[in-house]
C-alpha atoms as a PDB file:
ATOM      1  CA  MET A   1      22.212  -2.055 -33.931  1.00  0.00           C
ATOM      2  CA  ALA A   2      23.390   1.463 -34.677  1.00  0.00           C
ATOM      3  CA  ALA A   3      24.825   2.414 -31.282  1.00  0.00           C
ATOM      4  CA  ILE A   4      25.792   5.761 -29.890  1.00  0.00           C
ATOM      5  CA  LYS A   5      27.318   6.726 -26.550  1.00  0.00           C
ATOM      6  CA  ILE A   6      25.118   9.191 -24.686  1.00  0.00           C
ATOM      7  CA  THR A   7      26.001  11.177 -21.591  1.00  0.00           C
ATOM      8  CA  PHE A   8      23.144  12.768 -19.665  1.00  0.00           C
ATOM      9  CA  ASN A   9      21.907  13.429 -16.152  1.00  0.00           C
ATOM     10  CA  LEU A  10      19.219  11.085 -14.868  1.00  0.00           C
ATOM     11  CA  ASN A  11      17.520  12.003 -11.613  1.00  0.00           C
ATOM     12  CA  GLY A  12      20.535  13.919 -10.394  1.00  0.00           C
ATOM     13  CA  ARG A  13      23.188  11.395 -11.421  1.00  0.00           C
ATOM     14  CA  ASP A  14      25.409  11.690 -14.463  1.00  0.00           C
ATOM     15  CA  ARG A  15      25.049   8.671 -16.730  1.00  0.00           C
ATOM     16  CA  CYS A  16      26.848   7.410 -19.790  1.00  0.00           C
ATOM     17  CA  VAL A  17      25.156   4.701 -21.785  1.00  0.00           C
ATOM     18  CA  GLU A  18      25.560   3.023 -25.133  1.00  0.00           C
ATOM     19  CA  ALA A  19      22.160   3.082 -26.804  1.00  0.00           C
ATOM     20  CA  ASP A  20      20.608   2.097 -30.087  1.00  0.00           C
ATOM     21  CA  THR A  21      19.871   5.250 -32.081  1.00  0.00           C
ATOM     22  CA  ARG A  22      16.311   3.989 -32.639  1.00  0.00           C
ATOM     23  CA  TRP A  23      15.503   3.854 -28.917  1.00  0.00           C
ATOM     24  CA  THR A  24      13.114   6.319 -27.406  1.00  0.00           C
ATOM     25  CA  LEU A  25      13.720   7.895 -24.031  1.00  0.00           C
ATOM     26  CA  LEU A  26      10.791   5.828 -22.762  1.00  0.00           C
ATOM     27  CA  TYR A  27      12.505   2.609 -23.812  1.00  0.00           C
ATOM     28  CA  LEU A  28      15.790   3.680 -22.234  1.00  0.00           C
ATOM     29  CA  LEU A  29      14.168   4.581 -18.917  1.00  0.00           C
ATOM     30  CA  ARG A  30      12.029   1.463 -18.605  1.00  0.00           C
ATOM     31  CA  GLU A  31      14.136  -1.244 -20.216  1.00  0.00           C
ATOM     32  CA  GLU A  32      17.707  -0.133 -19.551  1.00  0.00           C
ATOM     33  CA  PHE A  33      17.330   1.651 -16.204  1.00  0.00           C
ATOM     34  CA  GLY A  34      14.275  -0.192 -14.793  1.00  0.00           C
ATOM     35  CA  LEU A  35      12.413   3.058 -14.085  1.00  0.00           C
ATOM     36  CA  THR A  36       8.905   1.745 -14.605  1.00  0.00           C
ATOM     37  CA  GLY A  37       7.110   4.736 -13.081  1.00  0.00           C
ATOM     38  CA  THR A  38       7.229   6.232 -16.554  1.00  0.00           C
ATOM     39  CA  LYS A  39       4.365   4.373 -18.211  1.00  0.00           C
ATOM     40  CA  ARG A  40       4.022   3.137 -21.765  1.00  0.00           C
ATOM     41  CA  GLY A  41       0.582   4.152 -22.921  1.00  0.00           C
ATOM     42  CA  CYS A  42      -0.146   5.077 -26.514  1.00  0.00           C
ATOM     43  CA  ASP A  43       3.400   5.374 -27.980  1.00  0.00           C
ATOM     44  CA  MET A  44       2.081   8.347 -29.973  1.00  0.00           C
ATOM     45  CA  GLY A  45       2.474  11.250 -27.543  1.00  0.00           C
ATOM     46  CA  GLU A  46      -1.267  11.531 -26.993  1.00  0.00           C
ATOM     47  CA  CYS A  47      -1.890  10.187 -23.476  1.00  0.00           C
ATOM     48  CA  GLY A  48       0.870  11.687 -21.312  1.00  0.00           C
ATOM     49  CA  ALA A  49       1.478   8.472 -19.353  1.00  0.00           C
ATOM     50  CA  CYS A  50       5.170   8.684 -20.257  1.00  0.00           C
ATOM     51  CA  THR A  51       5.666  12.300 -19.156  1.00  0.00           C
ATOM     52  CA  VAL A  52       9.079  13.107 -17.682  1.00  0.00           C
ATOM     53  CA  LEU A  53      10.956  16.368 -17.327  1.00  0.00           C
ATOM     54  CA  LEU A  54      13.646  17.163 -19.868  1.00  0.00           C
ATOM     55  CA  ASP A  55      15.712  20.093 -18.645  1.00  0.00           C
ATOM     56  CA  GLY A  56      12.808  20.994 -16.356  1.00  0.00           C
ATOM     57  CA  LEU A  57      10.044  20.872 -18.966  1.00  0.00           C
ATOM     58  CA  PRO A  58       7.404  18.140 -19.318  1.00  0.00           C
ATOM     59  CA  ILE A  59       7.798  16.009 -22.438  1.00  0.00           C
ATOM     60  CA  ASN A  60       6.403  12.728 -23.737  1.00  0.00           C
ATOM     61  CA  ALA A  61       9.285  10.260 -23.416  1.00  0.00           C
ATOM     62  CA  CYS A  62       7.762   8.048 -26.123  1.00  0.00           C
ATOM     63  CA  GLN A  63       8.370  10.812 -28.668  1.00  0.00           C
ATOM     64  CA  VAL A  64      11.992  11.630 -27.821  1.00  0.00           C
ATOM     65  CA  LEU A  65      14.842   9.677 -29.364  1.00  0.00           C
ATOM     66  CA  VAL A  66      17.760   9.025 -27.018  1.00  0.00           C
ATOM     67  CA  VAL A  67      20.145  10.701 -29.466  1.00  0.00           C
ATOM     68  CA  SER A  68      18.518  14.029 -28.560  1.00  0.00           C
ATOM     69  CA  ILE A  69      19.082  13.818 -24.788  1.00  0.00           C
ATOM     70  CA  SER A  70      22.867  14.092 -24.802  1.00  0.00           C
ATOM     71  CA  GLU A  71      23.994  16.525 -22.085  1.00  0.00           C
ATOM     72  CA  CYS A  72      20.365  16.998 -20.956  1.00  0.00           C
ATOM     73  CA  ARG A  73      18.804  16.586 -17.520  1.00  0.00           C
ATOM     74  CA  VAL A  74      16.053  13.944 -17.297  1.00  0.00           C
ATOM     75  CA  THR A  75      13.824  13.778 -14.226  1.00  0.00           C
ATOM     76  CA  THR A  76      11.408  10.905 -13.590  1.00  0.00           C
ATOM     77  CA  ILE A  77       8.748  10.252 -10.959  1.00  0.00           C
ATOM     78  CA  GLU A  78      11.196   8.021  -9.077  1.00  0.00           C
ATOM     79  CA  SER A  79      13.308  11.016  -8.085  1.00  0.00           C
ATOM     80  CA  LEU A  80      10.555  13.042  -6.426  1.00  0.00           C
ATOM     81  CA  SER A  81      10.558  11.447  -3.000  1.00  0.00           C
ATOM     82  CA  SER A  82      13.419  12.316  -0.696  1.00  0.00           C
ATOM     83  CA  ASN A  83      14.615  10.447   2.394  1.00  0.00           C
ATOM     84  CA  GLY A  84      11.422   8.398   2.411  1.00  0.00           C
ATOM     85  CA  ASN A  85       9.210  11.477   2.195  1.00  0.00           C
ATOM     86  CA  LEU A  86       6.854  11.913  -0.721  1.00  0.00           C
ATOM     87  CA  HIS A  87       6.852  15.086  -2.783  1.00  0.00           C
ATOM     88  CA  PRO A  88       3.959  17.453  -1.885  1.00  0.00           C
ATOM     89  CA  LEU A  89       2.272  16.619  -5.213  1.00  0.00           C
ATOM     90  CA  GLN A  90       2.403  12.912  -4.404  1.00  0.00           C
ATOM     91  CA  VAL A  91       0.949  13.583  -0.962  1.00  0.00           C
ATOM     92  CA  ALA A  92      -1.808  15.725  -2.469  1.00  0.00           C
ATOM     93  CA  PHE A  93      -2.742  12.967  -4.911  1.00  0.00           C
ATOM     94  CA  LEU A  94      -3.084  10.549  -1.994  1.00  0.00           C
ATOM     95  CA  GLU A  95      -5.062  12.985   0.150  1.00  0.00           C
ATOM     96  CA  ASN A  96      -7.436  14.026  -2.641  1.00  0.00           C
ATOM     97  CA  ASP A  97      -7.946  10.603  -4.256  1.00  0.00           C
ATOM     98  CA  GLY A  98      -6.297  11.826  -7.449  1.00  0.00           C
ATOM     99  CA  ALA A  99      -4.686   8.494  -8.205  1.00  0.00           C
ATOM    100  CA  GLN A 100      -7.652   6.177  -8.915  1.00  0.00           C
ATOM    101  CA  CYS A 101      -6.015   3.194 -10.688  1.00  0.00           C
ATOM    102  CA  GLY A 102      -2.665   5.019 -10.675  1.00  0.00           C
ATOM    103  CA  PHE A 103      -1.561   4.312 -14.254  1.00  0.00           C
ATOM    104  CA  CYS A 104      -1.707   7.937 -15.383  1.00  0.00           C
ATOM    105  CA  THR A 105      -0.687   9.432 -12.038  1.00  0.00           C
ATOM    106  CA  PRO A 106       3.082   9.692 -12.650  1.00  0.00           C
ATOM    107  CA  GLY A 107       2.467  11.528 -15.921  1.00  0.00           C
ATOM    108  CA  PHE A 108       0.053  13.971 -14.320  1.00  0.00           C
ATOM    109  CA  ILE A 109       2.433  14.615 -11.429  1.00  0.00           C
ATOM    110  CA  MET A 110       5.404  15.198 -13.735  1.00  0.00           C
ATOM    111  CA  SER A 111       3.309  17.573 -15.860  1.00  0.00           C
ATOM    112  CA  ALA A 112       2.371  19.511 -12.726  1.00  0.00           C
ATOM    113  CA  ILE A 113       5.890  19.805 -11.264  1.00  0.00           C
ATOM    114  CA  PRO A 114       6.712  23.055 -13.131  1.00  0.00           C
ATOM    115  CA  LEU A 115       3.537  24.618 -11.675  1.00  0.00           C
ATOM    116  CA  MET A 116       4.992  24.180  -8.191  1.00  0.00           C
ATOM    117  CA  GLU A 117       7.755  26.644  -9.047  1.00  0.00           C
ATOM    118  CA  ILE A 118       5.444  29.497 -10.074  1.00  0.00           C
ATOM    119  CA  ASP A 119       5.245  32.201  -7.419  1.00  0.00           C
ATOM    120  CA  THR A 120       2.029  33.867  -8.580  1.00  0.00           C
ATOM    121  CA  PRO A 121      -1.446  32.445  -7.856  1.00  0.00           C
ATOM    122  CA  ILE A 122      -2.512  29.774 -10.337  1.00  0.00           C
ATOM    123  CA  THR A 123      -6.130  29.239 -11.358  1.00  0.00           C
ATOM    124  CA  ARG A 124      -7.857  25.925 -11.840  1.00  0.00           C
ATOM    125  CA  ASP A 125      -8.061  26.729 -15.568  1.00  0.00           C
ATOM    126  CA  GLN A 126      -4.292  27.227 -15.727  1.00  0.00           C
ATOM    127  CA  ILE A 127      -3.789  23.874 -13.999  1.00  0.00           C
ATOM    128  CA  SER A 128      -6.187  22.259 -16.455  1.00  0.00           C
ATOM    129  CA  ASP A 129      -4.271  23.779 -19.377  1.00  0.00           C
ATOM    130  CA  ALA A 130      -0.941  22.538 -18.004  1.00  0.00           C
ATOM    131  CA  LEU A 131      -2.331  19.007 -17.670  1.00  0.00           C
ATOM    132  CA  GLY A 132      -4.072  19.091 -21.048  1.00  0.00           C
ATOM    133  CA  GLY A 133      -1.691  16.579 -22.626  1.00  0.00           C
ATOM    134  CA  ASN A 134      -2.527  13.886 -20.079  1.00  0.00           C
ATOM    135  CA  LEU A 135      -5.418  11.441 -20.225  1.00  0.00           C
ATOM    136  CA  CYS A 136      -7.035   9.600 -17.312  1.00  0.00           C
ATOM    137  CA  ARG A 137      -8.875   6.455 -18.308  1.00  0.00           C
ATOM    138  CA  CYS A 138     -10.719   6.428 -14.951  1.00  0.00           C
ATOM    139  CA  ASN A 139     -12.070   9.939 -15.554  1.00  0.00           C
ATOM    140  CA  ALA A 140     -10.691  11.242 -12.254  1.00  0.00           C
ATOM    141  CA  TYR A 141     -10.042  14.708 -13.645  1.00  0.00           C
ATOM    142  CA  GLY A 142     -11.825  16.530 -10.823  1.00  0.00           C
ATOM    143  CA  ALA A 143      -9.766  14.769  -8.160  1.00  0.00           C
ATOM    144  CA  ILE A 144      -6.586  15.270 -10.184  1.00  0.00           C
ATOM    145  CA  LEU A 145      -7.225  19.005 -10.475  1.00  0.00           C
ATOM    146  CA  ASP A 146      -8.061  19.142  -6.754  1.00  0.00           C
ATOM    147  CA  SER A 147      -4.804  17.337  -5.981  1.00  0.00           C
ATOM    148  CA  VAL A 148      -2.637  19.703  -7.988  1.00  0.00           C
ATOM    149  CA  HIS A 149      -4.489  22.740  -6.672  1.00  0.00           C
ATOM    150  CA  ALA A 150      -4.042  21.525  -3.076  1.00  0.00           C
ATOM    151  CA  ALA A 151      -0.313  20.957  -3.572  1.00  0.00           C
ATOM    152  CA  ILE A 152       0.145  24.386  -5.119  1.00  0.00           C
ATOM    153  CA  ASP A 153      -1.793  26.013  -2.296  1.00  0.00           C
ATOM    154  CA  GLY A 154       0.353  24.123   0.227  1.00  0.00           C
ATOM    155  CA  LYS A 155      -2.611  22.346   1.772  1.00  0.00           C
ATOM    156  CA  SER A 156      -0.974  18.919   1.651  1.00  0.00           C
ATOM    157  CA  HIS A 157       0.583  17.517   4.792  1.00  0.00           C
ATOM    158  CA  VAL A 158       4.235  16.618   4.243  1.00  0.00           C
END
C-alpha cells in the first residue's frame, strides 16, 4: 500500500486520514467513513450515482483520486439534513415522487444543490442540463425535473 496522509473537510468537519494513493474518493467515503448515500454505479463517471460536491461543485467521486482532495471541502448527501429536517430538495423529491427506487436520488440531489444558490429564474432546460450527467434506471426524469423545479421555486414544504 502506497499511503499518504490527507487533510480535508468532510461535511463540515476537518478530517485527516491515511489513505492508499490508489483509492478513489468514492471508496474513501463508502468504505472508510461509512457514507453509503454516495452510490457506486458504473465506476466510469457515466451514471452520476456517486455525485458529491467538491468545493461546492458536483463531481463524480468514482473518478477522483483521494490524493487530489487535500485541503478541499467534500459535501455528501448525508450532510444535507439539519436538526432532523430534510433539505428542501429532499422534501421536493418526496413530494413529487422523484425518488422512485432511490438509487440515483442522492446523485441527482447533489447535482442540483448548486442550482439552489442561483438568484435568477432557472428554466426546466437549464435544470435538465445541470442534471445531464446523471442517469435514472427507473426513467423517472419527469418527476426528477419536477422535484428540482419545485425546490427551486420554493414550493416544497419544509
